[in-house]
Amino acid sequence: GGRCMFDNKFGFTPMPGGYWMLFGRLNLHVNGGRFIQAARSVGPDPAGPYEPWQKIDVQGYDDGGPGNVYEATVQLNPLDDDTVLGFFPVNLGEPGVANGEGIAFIAVAVSCDGFHWSEFEPIVWSVGLEGRTYDHPIDGLLLIDGEVHLFIVPLLGLEHSGLLHPIDRGSQSLCAPAFFINPITPYLSCLFQGVVTPFPNHQGTGTVTPL
């Protein structure tokens, strides 16, 4: 099995049905192979006890491949009381490389129980570096006029690790960006300084567009 080193933040989330869940790092390889495990409370008390940790399952994602899922930010879905939303910094990696600089993005997925998740849907293209992503989601969602606001932190941690190098995001400002998504309808957009603008990926060839 994999090794759990708990070397990243925990997620702690109330769930539909009245129980609680913890989400933590699961290291599936000695190098790279970052993924997510979850534990569910036995009852409604957030202090526990909790059931044993289990590896989550994401439809269509090969957790034995070269990719890395750095952490899970899980929230109650403000538009559907029966589900939760998960936001995941994903680096798809490179074949044969433990911490490859693959395609990177923040993805959203939906779950009913916290263990089984829908496919990752990229909503913010990022930059991959040594198995990581430059951008990470922040806990907390804000619902305004039927739209869900998600805030991210750009360049999280990398400027302190010596890994940071300049990246070109074109004309896009990353000063306190607020990303607006509606998970119920096939609509994805992001707002920068009051203007709805496509967000380019790290290669400058793709955008966040309606599904």
N, C-alpha and C. Protein backbone atom coordinates (compact mmCIF):
# COMPACT_ATOMS: atom_id res chain seq x y z
N GLY A 1 0.82 -1.19 0.00
CA GLY A 1 0.00 0.00 0.00
C GLY A 1 0.85 1.24 0.00
N GLY A 2 0.20 2.40 -0.07
CA GLY A 2 0.91 3.66 -0.08
C GLY A 2 1.30 4.10 1.32
N ARG A 3 2.07 5.17 1.38
CA ARG A 3 2.49 5.72 2.65
C ARG A 3 1.75 7.03 2.90
N CYS A 4 1.31 7.23 4.13
CA CYS A 4 0.67 8.49 4.50
C CYS A 4 1.62 9.25 5.41
N MET A 5 2.07 10.41 4.95
CA MET A 5 3.01 11.19 5.73
C MET A 5 2.36 12.45 6.30
N PHE A 6 1.08 12.70 5.95
CA PHE A 6 0.35 13.87 6.45
C PHE A 6 1.18 15.14 6.29
N ASP A 7 1.78 15.30 5.10
CA ASP A 7 2.66 16.44 4.89
C ASP A 7 1.97 17.55 4.11
N ASN A 8 0.67 17.66 4.26
CA ASN A 8 -0.07 18.74 3.63
C ASN A 8 -1.28 19.03 4.51
N LYS A 9 -2.05 20.03 4.13
CA LYS A 9 -3.18 20.43 4.96
C LYS A 9 -4.26 19.35 4.99
N PHE A 10 -5.05 19.34 6.06
CA PHE A 10 -6.22 18.49 6.17
C PHE A 10 -7.46 19.27 5.70
N GLY A 11 -8.39 18.55 5.10
CA GLY A 11 -9.72 19.09 4.87
C GLY A 11 -10.66 18.52 5.92
N PHE A 12 -11.61 19.33 6.39
CA PHE A 12 -12.54 18.91 7.45
C PHE A 12 -13.91 19.45 7.06
N THR A 13 -14.85 18.56 6.78
CA THR A 13 -16.06 18.97 6.11
C THR A 13 -17.30 18.28 6.68
N PRO A 14 -18.37 19.04 6.99
CA PRO A 14 -19.65 18.39 7.29
C PRO A 14 -20.22 17.81 6.01
N MET A 15 -20.90 16.68 6.13
CA MET A 15 -21.40 15.97 4.96
C MET A 15 -22.92 15.84 5.00
N PRO A 16 -23.56 15.71 3.83
CA PRO A 16 -24.98 15.37 3.82
C PRO A 16 -25.21 14.07 4.59
N GLY A 17 -26.20 14.04 5.43
CA GLY A 17 -26.45 12.86 6.25
C GLY A 17 -26.03 13.05 7.69
N GLY A 18 -25.38 14.18 8.02
CA GLY A 18 -25.11 14.49 9.41
C GLY A 18 -23.79 14.00 9.96
N TYR A 19 -22.89 13.50 9.13
CA TYR A 19 -21.58 13.09 9.63
C TYR A 19 -20.51 14.04 9.11
N TRP A 20 -19.26 13.77 9.49
CA TRP A 20 -18.13 14.61 9.12
C TRP A 20 -17.09 13.78 8.40
N MET A 21 -16.25 14.48 7.61
CA MET A 21 -15.17 13.78 6.92
C MET A 21 -13.87 14.55 7.00
N LEU A 22 -12.79 13.79 7.13
CA LEU A 22 -11.44 14.31 7.04
C LEU A 22 -10.85 13.91 5.69
N PHE A 23 -10.09 14.83 5.09
CA PHE A 23 -9.39 14.55 3.84
C PHE A 23 -7.91 14.87 4.05
N GLY A 24 -7.04 13.94 3.70
CA GLY A 24 -5.61 14.12 3.90
C GLY A 24 -4.80 13.59 2.74
N ARG A 25 -3.52 13.88 2.77
CA ARG A 25 -2.59 13.43 1.74
C ARG A 25 -2.40 11.92 1.82
N LEU A 26 -2.31 11.29 0.67
CA LEU A 26 -1.94 9.88 0.56
C LEU A 26 -0.82 9.78 -0.45
N ASN A 27 0.37 9.41 -0.01
CA ASN A 27 1.53 9.28 -0.89
C ASN A 27 1.62 7.84 -1.39
N LEU A 28 1.36 7.66 -2.68
CA LEU A 28 1.31 6.32 -3.25
C LEU A 28 2.66 5.83 -3.75
N HIS A 29 3.63 6.74 -3.91
CA HIS A 29 4.97 6.37 -4.34
C HIS A 29 5.99 7.02 -3.41
N VAL A 30 7.22 6.55 -3.47
CA VAL A 30 8.28 7.17 -2.67
C VAL A 30 8.47 8.61 -3.10
N ASN A 31 8.44 8.85 -4.41
CA ASN A 31 8.49 10.20 -4.96
C ASN A 31 7.29 10.40 -5.88
N GLY A 32 6.62 11.53 -5.73
CA GLY A 32 5.42 11.76 -6.53
C GLY A 32 4.27 10.90 -6.05
N GLY A 33 3.31 10.69 -6.93
CA GLY A 33 2.16 9.85 -6.57
C GLY A 33 1.29 10.43 -5.49
N ARG A 34 1.21 11.75 -5.41
CA ARG A 34 0.37 12.37 -4.38
C ARG A 34 -1.10 12.14 -4.71
N PHE A 35 -1.87 11.80 -3.70
CA PHE A 35 -3.29 11.56 -3.90
C PHE A 35 -4.01 11.86 -2.59
N ILE A 36 -5.27 11.46 -2.49
CA ILE A 36 -6.12 11.86 -1.37
C ILE A 36 -6.73 10.63 -0.70
N GLN A 37 -6.79 10.68 0.62
CA GLN A 37 -7.52 9.67 1.39
C GLN A 37 -8.53 10.38 2.29
N ALA A 38 -9.55 9.65 2.71
CA ALA A 38 -10.63 10.25 3.49
C ALA A 38 -11.04 9.32 4.62
N ALA A 39 -11.54 9.92 5.70
CA ALA A 39 -12.07 9.16 6.84
C ALA A 39 -13.39 9.78 7.25
N ARG A 40 -14.37 8.95 7.57
CA ARG A 40 -15.71 9.40 7.91
C ARG A 40 -15.98 9.19 9.39
N SER A 41 -16.65 10.17 10.01
CA SER A 41 -16.99 10.03 11.42
C SER A 41 -18.03 8.93 11.61
N VAL A 42 -17.97 8.25 12.75
CA VAL A 42 -18.92 7.18 13.05
C VAL A 42 -20.31 7.76 13.30
N GLY A 43 -20.37 8.93 13.91
CA GLY A 43 -21.63 9.58 14.23
C GLY A 43 -21.57 11.06 13.92
N PRO A 44 -22.48 11.84 14.49
CA PRO A 44 -22.55 13.27 14.18
C PRO A 44 -21.54 14.14 14.92
N ASP A 45 -20.78 13.57 15.85
CA ASP A 45 -19.82 14.35 16.63
C ASP A 45 -18.56 14.59 15.80
N PRO A 46 -18.21 15.86 15.50
CA PRO A 46 -17.01 16.11 14.70
C PRO A 46 -15.72 15.69 15.38
N ALA A 47 -15.77 15.48 16.71
CA ALA A 47 -14.58 15.03 17.43
C ALA A 47 -14.33 13.53 17.24
N GLY A 48 -15.25 12.83 16.59
CA GLY A 48 -15.05 11.42 16.34
C GLY A 48 -15.79 10.54 17.33
N PRO A 49 -15.52 9.23 17.26
CA PRO A 49 -14.43 8.57 16.52
C PRO A 49 -14.68 8.53 15.01
N TYR A 50 -13.60 8.14 14.28
CA TYR A 50 -13.64 8.08 12.83
C TYR A 50 -13.33 6.67 12.35
N GLU A 51 -13.90 6.33 11.21
CA GLU A 51 -13.60 5.06 10.56
C GLU A 51 -12.18 5.11 9.99
N PRO A 52 -11.61 3.96 9.61
CA PRO A 52 -10.26 3.96 9.03
C PRO A 52 -10.19 4.79 7.74
N TRP A 53 -8.99 5.28 7.45
CA TRP A 53 -8.75 6.01 6.22
C TRP A 53 -9.00 5.11 5.01
N GLN A 54 -9.54 5.72 3.95
CA GLN A 54 -9.74 5.03 2.68
C GLN A 54 -9.27 5.92 1.54
N LYS A 55 -8.67 5.33 0.54
CA LYS A 55 -8.31 6.07 -0.66
C LYS A 55 -9.58 6.45 -1.41
N ILE A 56 -9.67 7.69 -1.85
CA ILE A 56 -10.83 8.09 -2.63
C ILE A 56 -10.72 7.54 -4.05
N ASP A 57 -11.81 7.58 -4.77
CA ASP A 57 -11.85 7.13 -6.16
C ASP A 57 -12.42 8.26 -7.01
N VAL A 58 -11.67 8.63 -8.05
CA VAL A 58 -12.11 9.68 -8.97
C VAL A 58 -12.33 9.05 -10.34
N GLN A 59 -13.53 9.16 -10.84
CA GLN A 59 -13.86 8.55 -12.12
C GLN A 59 -12.92 9.04 -13.22
N GLY A 60 -12.31 8.11 -13.93
CA GLY A 60 -11.47 8.46 -15.06
C GLY A 60 -10.05 8.85 -14.73
N TYR A 61 -9.68 8.91 -13.45
CA TYR A 61 -8.32 9.29 -13.07
C TYR A 61 -7.55 8.06 -12.62
N ASP A 62 -6.36 7.86 -13.19
CA ASP A 62 -5.50 6.73 -12.86
C ASP A 62 -4.56 7.14 -11.73
N ASP A 63 -4.89 6.76 -10.50
CA ASP A 63 -4.03 7.16 -9.37
C ASP A 63 -2.72 6.39 -9.35
N GLY A 64 -2.55 5.39 -10.21
CA GLY A 64 -1.28 4.70 -10.34
C GLY A 64 -0.39 5.26 -11.43
N GLY A 65 -0.85 6.31 -12.10
CA GLY A 65 -0.10 6.93 -13.18
C GLY A 65 0.88 7.98 -12.69
N PRO A 66 1.36 8.83 -13.61
CA PRO A 66 2.39 9.81 -13.25
C PRO A 66 1.86 11.09 -12.63
N GLY A 67 0.54 11.23 -12.49
CA GLY A 67 -0.03 12.47 -12.00
C GLY A 67 0.06 12.65 -10.50
N ASN A 68 -0.22 13.87 -10.08
CA ASN A 68 -0.25 14.23 -8.66
C ASN A 68 -1.50 15.05 -8.37
N VAL A 69 -2.22 14.67 -7.33
CA VAL A 69 -3.33 15.47 -6.82
C VAL A 69 -2.88 15.98 -5.46
N TYR A 70 -2.63 17.28 -5.38
CA TYR A 70 -1.87 17.81 -4.25
C TYR A 70 -2.67 17.85 -2.96
N GLU A 71 -3.95 18.16 -3.03
CA GLU A 71 -4.78 18.25 -1.84
C GLU A 71 -6.24 18.26 -2.26
N ALA A 72 -7.13 18.23 -1.29
CA ALA A 72 -8.57 18.31 -1.56
C ALA A 72 -9.18 19.41 -0.70
N THR A 73 -9.86 20.33 -1.34
CA THR A 73 -10.64 21.34 -0.64
C THR A 73 -12.10 21.00 -0.90
N VAL A 74 -12.80 20.51 0.12
CA VAL A 74 -14.15 19.97 -0.04
C VAL A 74 -15.14 20.85 0.71
N GLN A 75 -16.24 21.18 0.04
CA GLN A 75 -17.25 22.06 0.61
C GLN A 75 -18.63 21.46 0.36
N LEU A 76 -19.58 21.76 1.25
CA LEU A 76 -20.98 21.48 0.94
C LEU A 76 -21.37 22.25 -0.32
N ASN A 77 -22.13 21.61 -1.18
CA ASN A 77 -22.57 22.24 -2.41
C ASN A 77 -23.72 23.20 -2.09
N PRO A 78 -23.52 24.50 -2.25
CA PRO A 78 -24.58 25.45 -1.89
C PRO A 78 -25.78 25.39 -2.83
N LEU A 79 -25.65 24.68 -3.96
CA LEU A 79 -26.76 24.57 -4.90
C LEU A 79 -27.43 23.21 -4.88
N ASP A 80 -26.91 22.29 -4.06
CA ASP A 80 -27.48 20.94 -3.99
C ASP A 80 -27.15 20.36 -2.63
N ASP A 81 -28.13 20.25 -1.75
CA ASP A 81 -27.90 19.83 -0.37
C ASP A 81 -27.44 18.38 -0.25
N ASP A 82 -27.58 17.60 -1.31
CA ASP A 82 -27.25 16.18 -1.24
C ASP A 82 -25.84 15.86 -1.70
N THR A 83 -25.06 16.87 -2.08
CA THR A 83 -23.72 16.61 -2.61
C THR A 83 -22.70 17.58 -2.01
N VAL A 84 -21.43 17.24 -2.21
CA VAL A 84 -20.33 18.14 -1.88
C VAL A 84 -19.53 18.41 -3.14
N LEU A 85 -18.86 19.56 -3.15
CA LEU A 85 -17.96 19.93 -4.22
C LEU A 85 -16.53 19.77 -3.74
N GLY A 86 -15.68 19.21 -4.56
CA GLY A 86 -14.26 19.12 -4.26
C GLY A 86 -13.46 19.91 -5.28
N PHE A 87 -12.46 20.63 -4.79
CA PHE A 87 -11.56 21.39 -5.66
C PHE A 87 -10.16 20.84 -5.45
N PHE A 88 -9.50 20.46 -6.53
CA PHE A 88 -8.27 19.69 -6.46
C PHE A 88 -7.20 20.32 -7.36
N PRO A 89 -6.02 20.68 -6.81
CA PRO A 89 -4.90 21.05 -7.66
C PRO A 89 -4.30 19.78 -8.29
N VAL A 90 -4.34 19.69 -9.60
CA VAL A 90 -3.94 18.47 -10.31
C VAL A 90 -2.78 18.78 -11.26
N ASN A 91 -1.76 17.94 -11.22
CA ASN A 91 -0.68 17.96 -12.20
C ASN A 91 -0.65 16.58 -12.84
N LEU A 92 -0.94 16.48 -14.12
CA LEU A 92 -1.05 15.18 -14.78
C LEU A 92 0.30 14.50 -14.99
N GLY A 93 1.39 15.23 -14.79
CA GLY A 93 2.71 14.62 -14.82
C GLY A 93 3.16 14.20 -16.21
N GLU A 94 4.29 13.45 -16.22
CA GLU A 94 4.89 12.95 -17.44
C GLU A 94 5.18 11.47 -17.27
N PRO A 95 4.93 10.66 -18.29
CA PRO A 95 5.20 9.22 -18.18
C PRO A 95 6.66 8.95 -17.79
N GLY A 96 6.83 8.11 -16.78
CA GLY A 96 8.17 7.73 -16.36
C GLY A 96 8.89 8.72 -15.48
N VAL A 97 8.23 9.83 -15.12
CA VAL A 97 8.85 10.87 -14.29
C VAL A 97 8.03 10.99 -13.01
N ALA A 98 8.69 10.89 -11.85
CA ALA A 98 7.97 10.89 -10.58
C ALA A 98 7.30 12.23 -10.30
N ASN A 99 7.98 13.32 -10.58
CA ASN A 99 7.44 14.66 -10.32
C ASN A 99 7.55 15.48 -11.60
N GLY A 100 6.84 15.05 -12.62
CA GLY A 100 6.93 15.69 -13.92
C GLY A 100 6.18 17.00 -13.99
N GLU A 101 6.60 17.83 -14.94
CA GLU A 101 5.96 19.13 -15.15
C GLU A 101 4.88 18.98 -16.22
N GLY A 102 3.82 18.28 -15.88
CA GLY A 102 2.75 18.02 -16.83
C GLY A 102 1.70 19.11 -16.85
N ILE A 103 0.64 18.85 -17.60
CA ILE A 103 -0.49 19.77 -17.65
C ILE A 103 -1.07 19.92 -16.24
N ALA A 104 -1.32 21.16 -15.84
CA ALA A 104 -1.73 21.43 -14.46
C ALA A 104 -2.97 22.32 -14.45
N PHE A 105 -3.82 22.08 -13.47
CA PHE A 105 -5.07 22.84 -13.37
C PHE A 105 -5.69 22.62 -12.00
N ILE A 106 -6.63 23.49 -11.65
CA ILE A 106 -7.52 23.23 -10.52
C ILE A 106 -8.79 22.62 -11.10
N ALA A 107 -9.19 21.48 -10.55
CA ALA A 107 -10.36 20.77 -11.04
C ALA A 107 -11.47 20.81 -10.01
N VAL A 108 -12.69 20.71 -10.48
CA VAL A 108 -13.85 20.53 -9.62
C VAL A 108 -14.41 19.14 -9.87
N ALA A 109 -14.92 18.51 -8.82
CA ALA A 109 -15.61 17.23 -8.93
C ALA A 109 -16.73 17.21 -7.90
N VAL A 110 -17.68 16.32 -8.08
CA VAL A 110 -18.86 16.24 -7.23
C VAL A 110 -18.94 14.85 -6.61
N SER A 111 -19.39 14.79 -5.35
CA SER A 111 -19.52 13.51 -4.66
C SER A 111 -20.75 13.52 -3.76
N CYS A 112 -21.33 12.34 -3.57
CA CYS A 112 -22.43 12.17 -2.62
C CYS A 112 -21.94 11.70 -1.26
N ASP A 113 -20.78 10.99 -1.23
CA ASP A 113 -20.32 10.38 0.01
C ASP A 113 -18.90 10.75 0.40
N GLY A 114 -18.18 11.51 -0.43
CA GLY A 114 -16.81 11.90 -0.12
C GLY A 114 -15.76 10.90 -0.53
N PHE A 115 -16.17 9.70 -0.87
CA PHE A 115 -15.23 8.66 -1.30
C PHE A 115 -15.23 8.46 -2.82
N HIS A 116 -16.39 8.62 -3.43
CA HIS A 116 -16.54 8.39 -4.86
C HIS A 116 -16.84 9.72 -5.54
N TRP A 117 -16.00 10.08 -6.52
CA TRP A 117 -16.07 11.40 -7.13
C TRP A 117 -16.28 11.29 -8.63
N SER A 118 -16.94 12.32 -9.17
CA SER A 118 -17.09 12.43 -10.61
C SER A 118 -15.74 12.76 -11.24
N GLU A 119 -15.69 12.77 -12.56
CA GLU A 119 -14.45 13.10 -13.26
C GLU A 119 -13.98 14.50 -12.89
N PHE A 120 -12.65 14.68 -12.90
CA PHE A 120 -12.09 16.01 -12.72
C PHE A 120 -12.49 16.89 -13.90
N GLU A 121 -13.04 18.05 -13.60
CA GLU A 121 -13.36 19.04 -14.64
C GLU A 121 -12.48 20.26 -14.42
N PRO A 122 -11.51 20.51 -15.31
CA PRO A 122 -10.64 21.68 -15.12
C PRO A 122 -11.44 22.98 -15.17
N ILE A 123 -11.22 23.83 -14.19
CA ILE A 123 -11.88 25.14 -14.20
C ILE A 123 -10.86 26.27 -14.19
N VAL A 124 -9.63 26.01 -13.77
CA VAL A 124 -8.57 27.02 -13.78
C VAL A 124 -7.30 26.35 -14.28
N TRP A 125 -6.80 26.77 -15.42
CA TRP A 125 -5.53 26.23 -15.89
C TRP A 125 -4.40 26.86 -15.10
N SER A 126 -3.42 26.06 -14.73
CA SER A 126 -2.31 26.53 -13.92
C SER A 126 -1.00 26.17 -14.62
N VAL A 127 0.07 26.16 -13.86
CA VAL A 127 1.39 25.81 -14.37
C VAL A 127 1.94 24.68 -13.51
N GLY A 128 2.45 23.64 -14.14
CA GLY A 128 3.01 22.51 -13.41
C GLY A 128 4.49 22.68 -13.15
N LEU A 129 4.92 22.32 -11.96
CA LEU A 129 6.34 22.40 -11.61
C LEU A 129 6.66 21.33 -10.58
N GLU A 130 7.49 20.36 -10.95
CA GLU A 130 7.92 19.28 -10.07
C GLU A 130 6.74 18.59 -9.39
N GLY A 131 5.73 18.24 -10.17
CA GLY A 131 4.58 17.53 -9.65
C GLY A 131 3.56 18.38 -8.95
N ARG A 132 3.77 19.67 -8.91
CA ARG A 132 2.88 20.58 -8.18
C ARG A 132 2.17 21.51 -9.15
N THR A 133 1.29 22.35 -8.60
CA THR A 133 0.66 23.41 -9.38
C THR A 133 0.98 24.74 -8.72
N TYR A 134 1.02 25.79 -9.54
CA TYR A 134 1.26 27.11 -9.00
C TYR A 134 0.08 27.62 -8.17
N ASP A 135 -1.12 27.21 -8.51
CA ASP A 135 -2.32 27.80 -7.93
C ASP A 135 -3.09 26.77 -7.12
N HIS A 136 -3.60 27.21 -5.97
CA HIS A 136 -4.35 26.33 -5.08
C HIS A 136 -5.66 26.97 -4.67
N PRO A 137 -6.71 26.15 -4.47
CA PRO A 137 -7.98 26.70 -3.99
C PRO A 137 -7.93 26.98 -2.49
N ILE A 138 -8.77 27.91 -2.06
CA ILE A 138 -8.90 28.26 -0.65
C ILE A 138 -10.22 27.70 -0.13
N ASP A 139 -10.24 27.23 1.12
CA ASP A 139 -11.47 26.74 1.72
C ASP A 139 -12.51 27.86 1.79
N GLY A 140 -13.73 27.49 1.49
CA GLY A 140 -14.82 28.44 1.59
C GLY A 140 -15.40 28.80 0.23
N LEU A 141 -16.72 28.81 0.15
CA LEU A 141 -17.43 29.22 -1.05
C LEU A 141 -18.41 30.33 -0.69
N LEU A 142 -18.69 31.17 -1.67
CA LEU A 142 -19.62 32.27 -1.47
C LEU A 142 -20.67 32.21 -2.57
N LEU A 143 -21.94 32.21 -2.18
CA LEU A 143 -23.04 32.14 -3.14
C LEU A 143 -23.68 33.52 -3.28
N ILE A 144 -23.64 34.07 -4.49
CA ILE A 144 -24.25 35.37 -4.77
C ILE A 144 -25.05 35.25 -6.06
N ASP A 145 -26.34 35.53 -5.98
CA ASP A 145 -27.21 35.53 -7.16
C ASP A 145 -27.11 34.23 -7.94
N GLY A 146 -27.05 33.12 -7.22
CA GLY A 146 -27.05 31.82 -7.88
C GLY A 146 -25.73 31.37 -8.43
N GLU A 147 -24.67 32.15 -8.23
CA GLU A 147 -23.34 31.78 -8.70
C GLU A 147 -22.44 31.48 -7.52
N VAL A 148 -21.59 30.48 -7.67
CA VAL A 148 -20.67 30.07 -6.62
C VAL A 148 -19.31 30.71 -6.86
N HIS A 149 -18.81 31.42 -5.86
CA HIS A 149 -17.53 32.09 -5.97
C HIS A 149 -16.47 31.22 -5.30
N LEU A 150 -15.40 30.95 -6.01
CA LEU A 150 -14.26 30.21 -5.48
C LEU A 150 -13.03 31.08 -5.56
N PHE A 151 -12.31 31.21 -4.46
CA PHE A 151 -11.09 32.00 -4.44
C PHE A 151 -9.88 31.07 -4.46
N ILE A 152 -8.84 31.50 -5.15
CA ILE A 152 -7.61 30.71 -5.21
C ILE A 152 -6.43 31.56 -4.75
N VAL A 153 -5.36 30.87 -4.37
CA VAL A 153 -4.09 31.51 -4.05
C VAL A 153 -3.12 31.21 -5.19
N PRO A 154 -2.63 32.23 -5.90
CA PRO A 154 -1.64 31.98 -6.93
C PRO A 154 -0.26 31.79 -6.32
N LEU A 155 0.54 30.95 -6.94
CA LEU A 155 1.95 30.75 -6.57
C LEU A 155 2.12 30.23 -5.16
N LEU A 156 1.16 29.44 -4.65
CA LEU A 156 1.17 29.01 -3.25
C LEU A 156 2.40 28.17 -2.93
N GLY A 157 3.20 28.64 -1.98
CA GLY A 157 4.30 27.87 -1.44
C GLY A 157 5.54 27.83 -2.29
N LEU A 158 5.40 27.99 -3.60
CA LEU A 158 6.56 27.78 -4.46
C LEU A 158 7.59 28.89 -4.32
N GLU A 159 7.15 30.11 -3.97
CA GLU A 159 8.12 31.19 -3.83
C GLU A 159 8.99 30.99 -2.61
N HIS A 160 8.57 30.13 -1.68
CA HIS A 160 9.35 29.88 -0.48
C HIS A 160 10.23 28.63 -0.62
N SER A 161 10.04 27.89 -1.69
CA SER A 161 10.73 26.61 -1.82
C SER A 161 11.94 26.67 -2.73
N GLY A 162 12.16 27.82 -3.36
CA GLY A 162 13.25 27.92 -4.31
C GLY A 162 12.91 27.37 -5.67
N LEU A 163 11.65 26.96 -5.88
CA LEU A 163 11.24 26.37 -7.15
C LEU A 163 10.65 27.39 -8.11
N LEU A 164 10.36 28.58 -7.61
CA LEU A 164 9.61 29.55 -8.39
C LEU A 164 10.42 30.09 -9.56
N HIS A 165 9.82 30.10 -10.72
CA HIS A 165 10.41 30.81 -11.85
C HIS A 165 9.32 31.63 -12.51
N PRO A 166 9.68 32.71 -13.23
CA PRO A 166 8.65 33.59 -13.79
C PRO A 166 7.77 32.84 -14.78
N ILE A 167 6.49 33.21 -14.81
CA ILE A 167 5.57 32.65 -15.79
C ILE A 167 4.83 33.79 -16.46
N ASP A 168 4.46 33.57 -17.70
CA ASP A 168 3.78 34.59 -18.48
C ASP A 168 2.30 34.25 -18.56
N ARG A 169 1.48 35.05 -17.91
CA ARG A 169 0.03 34.87 -17.97
C ARG A 169 -0.61 35.89 -18.92
N GLY A 170 0.19 36.50 -19.76
CA GLY A 170 -0.36 37.47 -20.69
C GLY A 170 -0.88 38.69 -19.95
N SER A 171 -2.07 39.13 -20.31
CA SER A 171 -2.64 40.33 -19.71
C SER A 171 -3.49 40.04 -18.49
N GLN A 172 -3.55 38.77 -18.06
CA GLN A 172 -4.43 38.41 -16.94
C GLN A 172 -3.84 38.87 -15.61
N SER A 173 -4.64 39.56 -14.84
CA SER A 173 -4.23 39.95 -13.49
C SER A 173 -4.54 38.82 -12.53
N LEU A 174 -3.61 38.53 -11.62
CA LEU A 174 -3.87 37.53 -10.59
C LEU A 174 -3.94 38.17 -9.21
N CYS A 175 -4.30 39.43 -9.15
CA CYS A 175 -4.47 40.10 -7.87
C CYS A 175 -5.86 39.79 -7.34
N ALA A 176 -5.92 38.97 -6.29
CA ALA A 176 -7.19 38.57 -5.67
C ALA A 176 -8.21 38.10 -6.70
N PRO A 177 -7.88 37.08 -7.48
CA PRO A 177 -8.84 36.61 -8.48
C PRO A 177 -10.01 35.90 -7.83
N ALA A 178 -11.19 36.09 -8.37
CA ALA A 178 -12.38 35.37 -7.91
C ALA A 178 -12.93 34.58 -9.08
N PHE A 179 -13.06 33.28 -8.93
CA PHE A 179 -13.53 32.43 -10.01
C PHE A 179 -14.99 32.07 -9.76
N PHE A 180 -15.82 32.27 -10.76
CA PHE A 180 -17.25 32.08 -10.63
C PHE A 180 -17.65 30.83 -11.41
N ILE A 181 -18.22 29.84 -10.72
CA ILE A 181 -18.67 28.66 -11.42
C ILE A 181 -20.07 28.31 -10.95
N ASN A 182 -20.84 27.74 -11.82
CA ASN A 182 -22.16 27.23 -11.48
C ASN A 182 -22.16 25.75 -11.80
N PRO A 183 -22.04 24.87 -10.81
CA PRO A 183 -21.88 23.44 -11.09
C PRO A 183 -23.16 22.75 -11.55
N ILE A 184 -24.29 23.46 -11.53
CA ILE A 184 -25.54 22.85 -11.93
C ILE A 184 -25.76 22.98 -13.43
N THR A 185 -25.32 24.05 -14.03
CA THR A 185 -25.47 24.27 -15.47
C THR A 185 -24.10 24.20 -16.14
N PRO A 186 -24.06 23.89 -17.44
CA PRO A 186 -22.78 23.78 -18.15
C PRO A 186 -22.18 25.15 -18.42
N TYR A 187 -21.76 25.81 -17.35
CA TYR A 187 -21.24 27.16 -17.48
C TYR A 187 -20.01 27.32 -16.59
N LEU A 188 -18.93 27.77 -17.14
CA LEU A 188 -17.72 28.05 -16.38
C LEU A 188 -17.17 29.38 -16.87
N SER A 189 -16.88 30.26 -15.95
CA SER A 189 -16.25 31.52 -16.33
C SER A 189 -15.44 32.03 -15.17
N CYS A 190 -14.60 33.00 -15.43
CA CYS A 190 -13.86 33.62 -14.33
C CYS A 190 -13.90 35.13 -14.49
N LEU A 191 -13.84 35.80 -13.36
CA LEU A 191 -13.99 37.25 -13.33
C LEU A 191 -12.68 37.88 -12.89
N PHE A 192 -12.16 38.79 -13.70
CA PHE A 192 -10.98 39.55 -13.32
C PHE A 192 -11.34 41.03 -13.44
N GLN A 193 -11.33 41.72 -12.33
CA GLN A 193 -11.56 43.16 -12.28
C GLN A 193 -12.83 43.55 -13.02
N GLY A 194 -13.88 42.75 -12.82
CA GLY A 194 -15.19 43.09 -13.36
C GLY A 194 -15.41 42.68 -14.80
N VAL A 195 -14.43 42.04 -15.43
CA VAL A 195 -14.57 41.64 -16.83
C VAL A 195 -14.48 40.13 -16.92
N VAL A 196 -15.49 39.49 -17.50
CA VAL A 196 -15.46 38.05 -17.70
C VAL A 196 -14.53 37.75 -18.86
N THR A 197 -13.47 37.00 -18.59
CA THR A 197 -12.41 36.78 -19.56
C THR A 197 -11.98 35.33 -19.54
N PRO A 198 -11.71 34.71 -20.71
CA PRO A 198 -11.14 33.36 -20.69
C PRO A 198 -9.79 33.36 -19.99
N PHE A 199 -9.52 32.28 -19.27
CA PHE A 199 -8.25 32.14 -18.56
C PHE A 199 -7.35 31.21 -19.34
N PRO A 200 -6.20 31.67 -19.87
CA PRO A 200 -5.36 30.82 -20.71
C PRO A 200 -4.65 29.76 -19.89
N ASN A 201 -4.38 28.62 -20.52
CA ASN A 201 -3.60 27.61 -19.81
C ASN A 201 -2.12 27.93 -19.90
N HIS A 202 -1.29 27.07 -19.32
CA HIS A 202 0.13 27.37 -19.22
C HIS A 202 0.83 27.39 -20.56
N GLN A 203 0.21 26.82 -21.59
CA GLN A 203 0.79 26.84 -22.92
C GLN A 203 0.25 27.99 -23.75
N GLY A 204 -0.75 28.68 -23.20
CA GLY A 204 -1.31 29.81 -23.91
C GLY A 204 -2.21 29.42 -25.07
N THR A 205 -2.62 28.16 -25.14
CA THR A 205 -3.39 27.70 -26.28
C THR A 205 -4.82 27.32 -25.93
N GLY A 206 -5.12 27.24 -24.65
CA GLY A 206 -6.45 26.80 -24.25
C GLY A 206 -7.12 27.82 -23.36
N THR A 207 -8.42 27.71 -23.21
CA THR A 207 -9.15 28.61 -22.35
C THR A 207 -10.20 27.84 -21.58
N VAL A 208 -10.68 28.45 -20.51
CA VAL A 208 -11.83 27.93 -19.80
C VAL A 208 -13.07 28.37 -20.58
N THR A 209 -13.79 27.45 -21.16
CA THR A 209 -14.90 27.77 -22.03
C THR A 209 -16.14 27.00 -21.58
N PRO A 210 -17.32 27.41 -22.02
CA PRO A 210 -18.52 26.63 -21.70
C PRO A 210 -18.39 25.20 -22.17
N LEU A 211 -18.93 24.25 -21.38
CA LEU A 211 -18.83 22.85 -21.73
C LEU A 211 -19.75 22.52 -22.90
